[in-house]
Amino acid sequence: MRVEHDLVLEGKVVTKSGLLETEVGVSAGVIEAMGHGLKGARRIRTGRCLIFPGFVDIHVHLREPGWEHKEDFRTGSRAAVHGGVTTLVDMPNNPAPANSKAAIEAKRRLASEKSLVDVKLNGGVDRADIGKVLSMAADVVGYKVYLSETTGAGAFPPSLLQNAFARIAETGHPVSVHCEDQAILERVSQRLQGSVEPDLHADLRPPESEVGAVRSVAGALRSTRALRANICHASTGETLGLARSARAEGLRLYCEATLHHLYYNRRAMLDNKLLKTNPPLRSEDDRQALLNGTKNGEVSFLVTDHAPHTEEEKIDGGLAGVPGLDDYAHLVTWLVKDQGVDPPTIARITSYNPAKFFDMADRGSIERGLRADFSVIDLHSPEVVSRDLLCTKCGWSPYEGREFPGRAKWTVVRGEVLLDEFEMVR
């Protein structure tokens, strides 16, 4: 007797090594079978689409608790579903930093009550009490260190990195590092005081601030070689080169690239002030280096750095950061169709590598026994980004008015179809 599954997906499955024409049977939120002739209560024939393992965005700021007027777990997770993302790793720089067991537990409860997708948490590292990372270990998947000033905390001193890395290594979790050297930022700010260049923000946070911070991270890792470390939002070609050299000497140092650093260069800020980010958009040479690194494996993770601010806060307050979750699938189709990144590479940087980095052994690939998380992408359904289509609470997109080759058609989280033929289910 043939087993009837809750759901059967039929089409081209993207693996780390190629495409596989098959059927995937899902029961009770888990991939139960792969092959042909499967029966299911519901069948989705994906046709010309590609079935990816659910996208895992390891760098988002969902803003709750404390900034719910910008975003919350419900609205941010809806934006994720719209963009084909099924797992989120949230950052700890809330107004009250999530750098203690109590704060992490409270945040985790909010996420479990409100989010449509799986939300994992990074714990903040308190420079005044580094040992607190141990108490958070059961409730987080990793830790975040900011080497420049951020909400609720000053810059983490590079001199304390070695100590912090040693304590984090005790937990078995990885660390992600915001690499901008605060001392360099302050020196440049003093030198450029009074300048009125239209894209001054890029000069105030120059490439050398990132490169200097990456050197500090690599130096600290040499004494804690078992620790996995991620350079957040790498923005320069030199950063990729430093990480490559570090791995050649046995260090476990990786880089993520954001959608906006891959898509835009520094000149775009002259036309759109909403594109102000930290680190800023870089030169066209740096953008091309990031694209090449995405193709050749030097970029390990594709992220949004989803940082929603209201449009008023961006224009009147000059805040840095852009949303991106609604547009994750848009940029995936752009990378595949317009930039020549092959689908297996996309599967590695969006799913397999992030899951492996954070020890999420139940996802990241389409295999029997793993979570039934899928991002089904239609590469042949062009869409112009419009704010009336967005799910993020902040209500705007850095890609507004841009046309992309395709979009997410189905998003499935633990076997539940939440985006169904381009339409949000809830």
Protein backbone atom coordinates (compact mmCIF):
# COMPACT_ATOMS: atom_id res chain seq x y z
CA MET A 1 0.00 0.00 0.00
CA ARG A 2 1.34 3.44 -0.93
CA VAL A 3 1.59 5.98 1.88
CA GLU A 4 -0.32 9.21 1.28
CA HIS A 5 1.63 12.24 2.38
CA ASP A 6 0.27 15.55 3.64
CA LEU A 7 1.96 17.35 0.74
CA VAL A 8 3.89 16.38 -2.38
CA LEU A 9 6.11 18.84 -4.24
CA GLU A 10 6.93 17.86 -7.81
CA GLY A 11 9.64 19.51 -9.88
CA LYS A 12 13.33 20.49 -10.03
CA VAL A 13 14.98 20.20 -6.63
CA VAL A 14 18.19 22.18 -6.15
CA THR A 15 20.95 20.27 -4.36
CA LYS A 16 24.51 21.34 -3.54
CA SER A 17 25.72 19.56 -6.66
CA GLY A 18 22.97 20.04 -9.24
CA LEU A 19 19.30 19.78 -10.14
CA LEU A 20 17.20 16.69 -9.48
CA GLU A 21 13.83 16.13 -11.15
CA THR A 22 11.83 14.36 -8.46
CA GLU A 23 8.92 14.41 -6.03
CA VAL A 24 9.21 15.26 -2.34
CA GLY A 25 6.71 13.78 0.11
CA VAL A 26 6.01 15.68 3.33
CA SER A 27 4.26 14.38 6.43
CA ALA A 28 3.98 16.01 9.87
CA GLY A 29 6.32 18.81 8.79
CA VAL A 30 9.17 16.51 7.81
CA ILE A 31 10.49 15.29 4.46
CA GLU A 32 9.41 11.66 4.50
CA ALA A 33 10.15 10.46 0.97
CA MET A 34 11.77 11.41 -2.30
CA GLY A 35 11.23 9.67 -5.62
CA HIS A 36 8.43 9.21 -8.11
CA GLY A 37 4.83 8.10 -7.89
CA LEU A 38 4.26 9.62 -4.45
CA LYS A 39 0.70 10.26 -3.30
CA GLY A 40 -0.38 13.24 -1.26
CA ALA A 41 -3.40 15.03 0.14
CA ARG A 42 -2.13 18.02 -1.82
CA ARG A 43 0.22 18.07 -4.79
CA ILE A 44 2.11 21.17 -5.98
CA ARG A 45 3.41 20.87 -9.52
CA THR A 46 6.12 23.52 -9.59
CA GLY A 47 6.73 23.35 -13.35
CA ARG A 48 9.43 25.77 -14.45
CA CYS A 49 10.26 26.79 -10.87
CA LEU A 50 13.25 25.70 -8.80
CA ILE A 51 12.68 24.04 -5.42
CA PHE A 52 15.34 25.28 -3.00
CA PRO A 53 15.82 24.21 0.60
CA GLY A 54 14.19 26.89 2.74
CA PHE A 55 16.30 30.05 2.69
CA VAL A 56 18.09 30.82 5.99
CA ASP A 57 18.87 34.51 6.57
CA ILE A 58 21.42 34.68 9.37
CA HIS A 59 21.46 38.47 9.73
CA VAL A 60 18.21 40.29 10.50
CA HIS A 61 17.05 42.97 12.93
CA LEU A 62 13.39 42.32 13.69
CA ARG A 63 13.32 45.25 16.15
CA GLU A 64 11.23 43.60 18.87
CA PRO A 65 11.20 44.30 21.76
CA GLY A 66 11.53 48.06 21.87
CA TRP A 67 11.06 49.29 18.33
CA GLU A 68 7.77 47.72 17.33
CA HIS A 69 6.83 50.82 15.33
CA LYS A 70 9.50 49.79 12.80
CA GLU A 71 8.96 46.02 12.74
CA ASP A 72 7.93 43.13 14.99
CA PHE A 73 8.22 39.36 14.83
CA ARG A 74 4.87 39.01 13.08
CA THR A 75 5.42 41.58 10.33
CA GLY A 76 9.08 40.71 9.86
CA SER A 77 8.26 37.04 9.49
CA ARG A 78 5.54 37.85 6.94
CA ALA A 79 8.14 39.76 4.93
CA ALA A 80 10.39 36.71 5.19
CA VAL A 81 7.68 34.40 3.84
CA HIS A 82 7.04 36.85 1.01
CA GLY A 83 10.75 36.69 0.13
CA GLY A 84 11.02 32.91 0.42
CA VAL A 85 12.89 32.89 3.75
CA THR A 86 11.96 30.16 6.24
CA THR A 87 14.52 30.65 9.05
CA LEU A 88 15.77 33.92 10.56
CA VAL A 89 18.66 34.61 12.92
CA ASP A 90 17.94 37.82 14.80
CA MET A 91 20.58 40.22 16.09
CA PRO A 92 20.77 41.42 19.73
CA ASN A 93 21.03 45.22 19.35
CA ASN A 94 17.59 46.14 20.62
CA PRO A 95 17.13 49.33 22.68
CA ALA A 96 17.83 47.15 25.72
CA PRO A 97 20.54 44.83 24.36
CA ALA A 98 19.76 41.12 24.34
CA ASN A 99 22.95 40.23 26.20
CA SER A 100 21.63 38.35 29.22
CA LYS A 101 19.76 35.10 29.83
CA ALA A 102 16.62 36.95 30.96
CA ALA A 103 16.56 39.25 27.93
CA ILE A 104 17.13 36.36 25.53
CA GLU A 105 14.40 34.26 27.15
CA ALA A 106 11.90 37.12 26.89
CA LYS A 107 12.79 37.73 23.25
CA ARG A 108 12.53 34.04 22.46
CA ARG A 109 9.00 33.88 23.93
CA LEU A 110 7.88 36.81 21.78
CA ALA A 111 9.28 35.21 18.66
CA SER A 112 7.65 31.85 19.33
CA GLU A 113 4.26 33.50 19.92
CA LYS A 114 4.27 35.78 16.88
CA SER A 115 6.56 34.58 14.10
CA LEU A 116 5.37 32.60 11.08
CA VAL A 117 8.87 31.25 10.47
CA ASP A 118 11.53 29.79 12.72
CA VAL A 119 13.46 32.52 14.55
CA LYS A 120 16.81 31.81 16.14
CA LEU A 121 18.69 34.33 18.28
CA ASN A 122 22.19 35.70 18.57
CA GLY A 123 23.23 36.78 22.04
CA GLY A 124 25.03 40.05 22.59
CA VAL A 125 28.49 40.02 24.17
CA ASP A 126 28.70 42.45 27.08
CA ARG A 127 32.19 43.86 27.30
CA ALA A 128 31.64 44.53 31.02
CA ASP A 129 30.77 40.87 31.72
CA ILE A 130 31.93 38.57 28.92
CA GLY A 131 31.18 35.51 31.02
CA LYS A 132 27.43 36.04 30.55
CA VAL A 133 27.72 34.30 27.18
CA LEU A 134 27.82 30.99 29.05
CA SER A 135 24.44 31.53 30.74
CA MET A 136 22.76 32.23 27.37
CA ALA A 137 24.15 29.21 25.57
CA ALA A 138 21.01 27.05 25.72
CA ASP A 139 18.81 29.79 24.25
CA VAL A 140 20.94 31.12 21.38
CA VAL A 141 22.57 29.70 18.26
CA GLY A 142 25.45 32.19 18.22
CA TYR A 143 26.82 35.47 19.47
CA LYS A 144 27.34 38.94 18.02
CA VAL A 145 30.22 41.32 18.65
CA TYR A 146 30.13 44.95 17.47
CA LEU A 147 33.54 46.54 16.96
CA SER A 148 31.90 49.93 16.37
CA GLU A 149 29.25 51.68 18.45
CA THR A 150 25.72 50.31 18.26
CA THR A 151 22.39 50.71 20.02
CA GLY A 152 22.67 50.46 23.78
CA ALA A 153 26.40 49.77 23.86
CA GLY A 154 29.75 51.23 22.96
CA ALA A 155 32.20 49.57 20.64
CA PHE A 156 33.63 46.26 21.82
CA PRO A 157 37.39 46.81 22.35
CA PRO A 158 39.59 44.74 20.00
CA SER A 159 41.88 44.11 22.98
CA LEU A 160 39.13 41.97 24.55
CA LEU A 161 38.42 39.86 21.46
CA GLN A 162 40.77 37.05 22.41
CA ASN A 163 39.10 36.70 25.82
CA ALA A 164 35.61 36.89 24.31
CA PHE A 165 36.41 34.32 21.64
CA ALA A 166 37.76 31.91 24.26
CA ARG A 167 34.56 32.14 26.30
CA ILE A 168 32.32 31.80 23.24
CA ALA A 169 34.30 28.75 22.14
CA GLU A 170 33.32 27.08 25.43
CA THR A 171 29.66 27.17 24.33
CA GLY A 172 30.29 25.46 20.99
CA HIS A 173 28.45 28.25 19.21
CA PRO A 174 29.90 30.53 16.48
CA VAL A 175 30.36 34.29 16.57
CA SER A 176 29.42 36.98 14.06
CA VAL A 177 31.34 40.24 14.08
CA HIS A 178 30.43 43.71 12.86
CA CYS A 179 33.80 44.75 11.48
CA GLU A 180 34.30 48.50 11.60
CA ASP A 181 37.19 49.74 13.72
CA GLN A 182 35.83 52.44 16.03
CA ALA A 183 39.21 54.15 16.48
CA ILE A 184 39.59 54.54 12.71
CA LEU A 185 36.03 55.86 12.41
CA GLU A 186 36.75 58.50 15.05
CA ARG A 187 40.01 59.61 13.41
CA VAL A 188 38.33 59.93 10.01
CA SER A 189 35.41 61.84 11.53
CA GLN A 190 37.78 64.42 13.02
CA ARG A 191 39.64 64.77 9.72
CA LEU A 192 36.48 65.23 7.64
CA GLN A 193 34.67 67.52 10.07
CA GLY A 194 32.95 70.26 8.09
CA SER A 195 32.89 68.37 4.80
CA VAL A 196 29.66 68.65 2.79
CA GLU A 197 30.18 65.95 0.16
CA PRO A 198 26.81 64.46 -0.89
CA ASP A 199 27.91 60.90 -0.10
CA LEU A 200 29.99 61.87 2.93
CA HIS A 201 28.75 58.83 4.86
CA ALA A 202 30.88 56.55 2.66
CA ASP A 203 33.99 58.61 3.41
CA LEU A 204 33.24 58.68 7.14
CA ARG A 205 33.26 54.87 7.22
CA PRO A 206 36.11 54.02 4.81
CA PRO A 207 37.20 50.54 3.67
CA GLU A 208 40.23 50.63 5.96
CA SER A 209 37.93 50.64 9.01
CA GLU A 210 36.52 47.29 7.91
CA VAL A 211 39.87 45.86 6.88
CA GLY A 212 41.48 46.87 10.18
CA ALA A 213 38.69 45.22 12.15
CA VAL A 214 38.94 42.02 10.09
CA ARG A 215 42.67 41.86 10.87
CA SER A 216 41.83 42.12 14.58
CA VAL A 217 39.32 39.28 14.31
CA ALA A 218 41.78 37.03 12.46
CA GLY A 219 44.46 37.79 15.06
CA ALA A 220 42.16 36.82 17.95
CA LEU A 221 41.06 33.64 16.16
CA ARG A 222 44.65 32.39 16.05
CA SER A 223 44.40 31.63 19.76
CA THR A 224 40.93 29.99 19.48
CA ARG A 225 41.16 27.96 16.30
CA ALA A 226 38.10 25.83 17.01
CA LEU A 227 35.78 28.86 16.92
CA ARG A 228 33.74 29.57 13.81
CA ALA A 229 33.54 33.29 12.98
CA ASN A 230 31.51 35.21 10.41
CA ILE A 231 32.43 38.65 9.08
CA CYS A 232 29.09 40.43 8.87
CA HIS A 233 28.16 42.35 5.71
CA ALA A 234 31.58 42.15 4.04
CA SER A 235 31.80 45.16 1.75
CA THR A 236 35.30 45.14 0.26
CA GLY A 237 37.32 42.84 -1.92
CA GLU A 238 40.19 43.10 0.55
CA THR A 239 37.97 41.63 3.27
CA LEU A 240 37.35 38.55 1.14
CA GLY A 241 41.09 38.23 0.55
CA LEU A 242 41.90 38.44 4.27
CA ALA A 243 39.30 35.78 5.07
CA ARG A 244 40.68 33.56 2.31
CA SER A 245 44.20 33.89 3.74
CA ALA A 246 42.92 33.15 7.24
CA ARG A 247 41.25 29.93 6.08
CA ALA A 248 44.46 28.92 4.30
CA GLU A 249 46.22 28.94 7.68
CA GLY A 250 43.46 26.86 9.27
CA LEU A 251 41.25 29.55 10.79
CA ARG A 252 37.49 29.13 10.50
CA LEU A 253 36.74 32.63 9.22
CA TYR A 254 33.85 33.18 6.80
CA CYS A 255 32.11 36.10 5.13
CA GLU A 256 28.52 37.05 4.44
CA ALA A 257 27.39 39.41 1.66
CA THR A 258 24.23 41.50 1.82
CA LEU A 259 21.76 41.91 -1.00
CA HIS A 260 22.36 45.66 -1.13
CA HIS A 261 26.16 45.48 -1.27
CA LEU A 262 25.85 43.05 -4.18
CA TYR A 263 23.28 45.11 -6.07
CA TYR A 264 24.30 48.74 -5.48
CA ASN A 265 27.54 50.68 -5.47
CA ARG A 266 28.45 53.92 -3.73
CA ARG A 267 27.13 56.14 -6.52
CA ALA A 268 23.60 54.88 -5.90
CA MET A 269 23.52 56.88 -2.65
CA LEU A 270 23.69 60.08 -4.67
CA ASP A 271 20.26 59.30 -6.12
CA ASN A 272 18.66 57.61 -3.12
CA LYS A 273 19.44 58.83 0.39
CA LEU A 274 17.51 55.87 1.82
CA LEU A 275 20.47 53.65 0.87
CA LYS A 276 22.56 54.84 3.82
CA THR A 277 23.91 51.74 5.61
CA ASN A 278 26.73 50.62 7.89
CA PRO A 279 29.09 49.68 6.37
CA PRO A 280 28.27 51.97 3.45
CA LEU A 281 27.95 51.00 -0.17
CA ARG A 282 31.38 50.73 -1.74
CA SER A 283 33.07 51.26 -5.10
CA GLU A 284 32.08 49.39 -8.24
CA ASP A 285 35.33 47.42 -7.96
CA ASP A 286 34.36 46.25 -4.48
CA ARG A 287 30.84 45.36 -5.65
CA GLN A 288 32.27 43.29 -8.49
CA ALA A 289 34.66 41.59 -6.07
CA LEU A 290 31.69 40.61 -3.89
CA LEU A 291 29.81 39.26 -6.91
CA ASN A 292 32.85 37.24 -7.97
CA GLY A 293 33.21 35.98 -4.40
CA THR A 294 29.58 34.91 -4.45
CA LYS A 295 30.19 32.87 -7.58
CA ASN A 296 33.46 31.26 -6.48
CA GLY A 297 32.58 30.38 -2.89
CA GLU A 298 34.48 33.08 -1.02
CA VAL A 299 31.12 34.44 0.16
CA SER A 300 29.60 31.80 2.45
CA PHE A 301 26.24 33.37 3.29
CA LEU A 302 23.68 35.55 1.48
CA VAL A 303 21.93 37.87 3.96
CA THR A 304 19.66 40.88 4.04
CA ASP A 305 20.93 42.65 7.17
CA HIS A 306 17.20 43.50 7.31
CA ALA A 307 17.26 46.77 9.27
CA PRO A 308 13.85 48.43 8.96
CA HIS A 309 13.50 52.09 9.90
CA THR A 310 10.53 54.21 8.99
CA GLU A 311 11.00 56.42 5.96
CA GLU A 312 10.73 59.48 8.22
CA GLU A 313 13.52 58.18 10.45
CA LYS A 314 15.70 57.65 7.40
CA ILE A 315 15.06 61.07 5.86
CA ASP A 316 14.82 63.23 8.97
CA GLY A 317 17.04 61.30 11.33
CA GLY A 318 19.64 59.98 8.90
CA LEU A 319 19.52 56.48 10.35
CA ALA A 320 21.59 53.77 8.69
CA GLY A 321 20.12 50.47 7.51
CA VAL A 322 17.72 49.12 4.90
CA PRO A 323 15.01 46.43 4.89
CA GLY A 324 15.40 43.46 2.59
CA LEU A 325 13.36 40.41 3.57
CA ASP A 326 10.53 41.05 1.09
CA ASP A 327 13.14 41.13 -1.69
CA TYR A 328 15.30 38.11 -0.85
CA ALA A 329 13.87 35.97 -3.65
CA HIS A 330 13.98 38.92 -6.07
CA LEU A 331 17.73 39.19 -5.59
CA VAL A 332 18.17 35.41 -5.86
CA THR A 333 16.56 35.49 -9.31
CA TRP A 334 18.78 38.44 -10.27
CA LEU A 335 21.88 36.54 -9.18
CA VAL A 336 20.88 33.45 -11.17
CA LYS A 337 19.53 35.01 -14.36
CA ASP A 338 21.47 38.27 -14.67
CA GLN A 339 24.73 37.53 -12.85
CA GLY A 340 25.25 33.87 -13.77
CA VAL A 341 25.36 32.37 -10.29
CA ASP A 342 24.41 28.71 -10.66
CA PRO A 343 21.50 27.37 -8.55
CA PRO A 344 23.62 24.88 -6.53
CA THR A 345 25.83 27.78 -5.40
CA ILE A 346 22.68 29.68 -4.39
CA ALA A 347 21.52 26.64 -2.39
CA ARG A 348 24.84 26.57 -0.54
CA ILE A 349 24.94 30.26 0.43
CA THR A 350 21.22 30.57 1.23
CA SER A 351 20.56 27.26 2.97
CA TYR A 352 23.29 24.65 3.41
CA ASN A 353 26.13 26.87 4.66
CA PRO A 354 24.01 28.93 7.09
CA ALA A 355 22.46 25.81 8.61
CA LYS A 356 25.85 24.14 8.98
CA PHE A 357 27.49 27.26 10.47
CA PHE A 358 24.85 27.42 13.21
CA ASP A 359 24.65 23.65 13.79
CA MET A 360 21.05 23.49 12.56
CA ALA A 361 21.31 19.89 11.45
CA ASP A 362 17.57 19.59 10.76
CA ARG A 363 17.58 21.92 7.73
CA GLY A 364 19.67 23.34 4.91
CA SER A 365 19.13 20.56 2.38
CA ILE A 366 16.24 18.66 0.85
CA GLU A 367 16.73 15.18 2.28
CA ARG A 368 14.64 12.57 4.02
CA GLY A 369 14.23 13.26 7.73
CA LEU A 370 14.88 17.00 7.54
CA ARG A 371 12.42 19.84 8.10
CA ALA A 372 10.00 20.40 5.24
CA ASP A 373 11.12 23.98 4.54
CA PHE A 374 11.09 24.99 0.87
CA SER A 375 11.61 28.16 -1.12
CA VAL A 376 10.09 27.61 -4.56
CA ILE A 377 11.36 30.28 -6.93
CA ASP A 378 9.92 31.22 -10.31
CA LEU A 379 12.77 32.62 -12.42
CA HIS A 380 10.38 33.57 -15.22
CA SER A 381 7.84 35.79 -13.49
CA PRO A 382 9.21 39.36 -13.59
CA GLU A 383 8.07 41.76 -10.91
CA VAL A 384 8.62 45.45 -10.28
CA VAL A 385 9.10 46.17 -6.58
CA SER A 386 6.26 48.30 -5.30
CA ARG A 387 5.55 49.33 -1.73
CA ASP A 388 1.93 48.22 -1.97
CA LEU A 389 3.24 44.62 -2.27
CA LEU A 390 5.47 44.75 0.81
CA CYS A 391 4.84 42.97 4.10
CA THR A 392 7.46 44.74 6.22
CA LYS A 393 5.93 47.20 8.68
CA CYS A 394 8.36 49.97 7.69
CA GLY A 395 6.60 50.06 4.32
CA TRP A 396 9.45 50.79 1.91
CA SER A 397 12.11 48.94 -0.03
CA PRO A 398 15.58 49.96 -1.26
CA TYR A 399 14.66 48.25 -4.55
CA GLU A 400 11.41 50.12 -5.17
CA GLY A 401 10.84 50.62 -8.91
CA ARG A 402 13.40 47.98 -9.88
CA GLU A 403 12.29 45.03 -11.98
CA PHE A 404 13.61 41.57 -11.12
CA PRO A 405 13.47 38.42 -13.29
CA GLY A 406 11.37 36.44 -10.82
CA ARG A 407 10.10 35.93 -7.29
CA ALA A 408 9.02 33.39 -4.71
CA LYS A 409 5.94 31.45 -5.79
CA TRP A 410 5.60 29.06 -2.84
CA THR A 411 7.12 29.28 0.63
CA VAL A 412 6.66 26.21 2.81
CA VAL A 413 7.53 26.17 6.52
CA ARG A 414 7.45 22.77 8.27
CA GLY A 415 5.10 21.48 5.61
CA GLU A 416 2.69 24.43 5.82
CA VAL A 417 2.24 26.45 2.63
CA LEU A 418 2.44 30.10 3.71
CA LEU A 419 3.01 31.67 0.29
CA ASP A 420 0.77 30.00 -2.26
CA GLU A 421 1.19 30.89 -5.96
CA PHE A 422 2.59 34.33 -5.05
CA GLU A 423 -0.18 35.05 -2.49
CA MET A 424 0.31 35.31 1.27
CA VAL A 425 -1.89 32.79 3.08
CA ARG A 426 -1.82 34.62 6.43
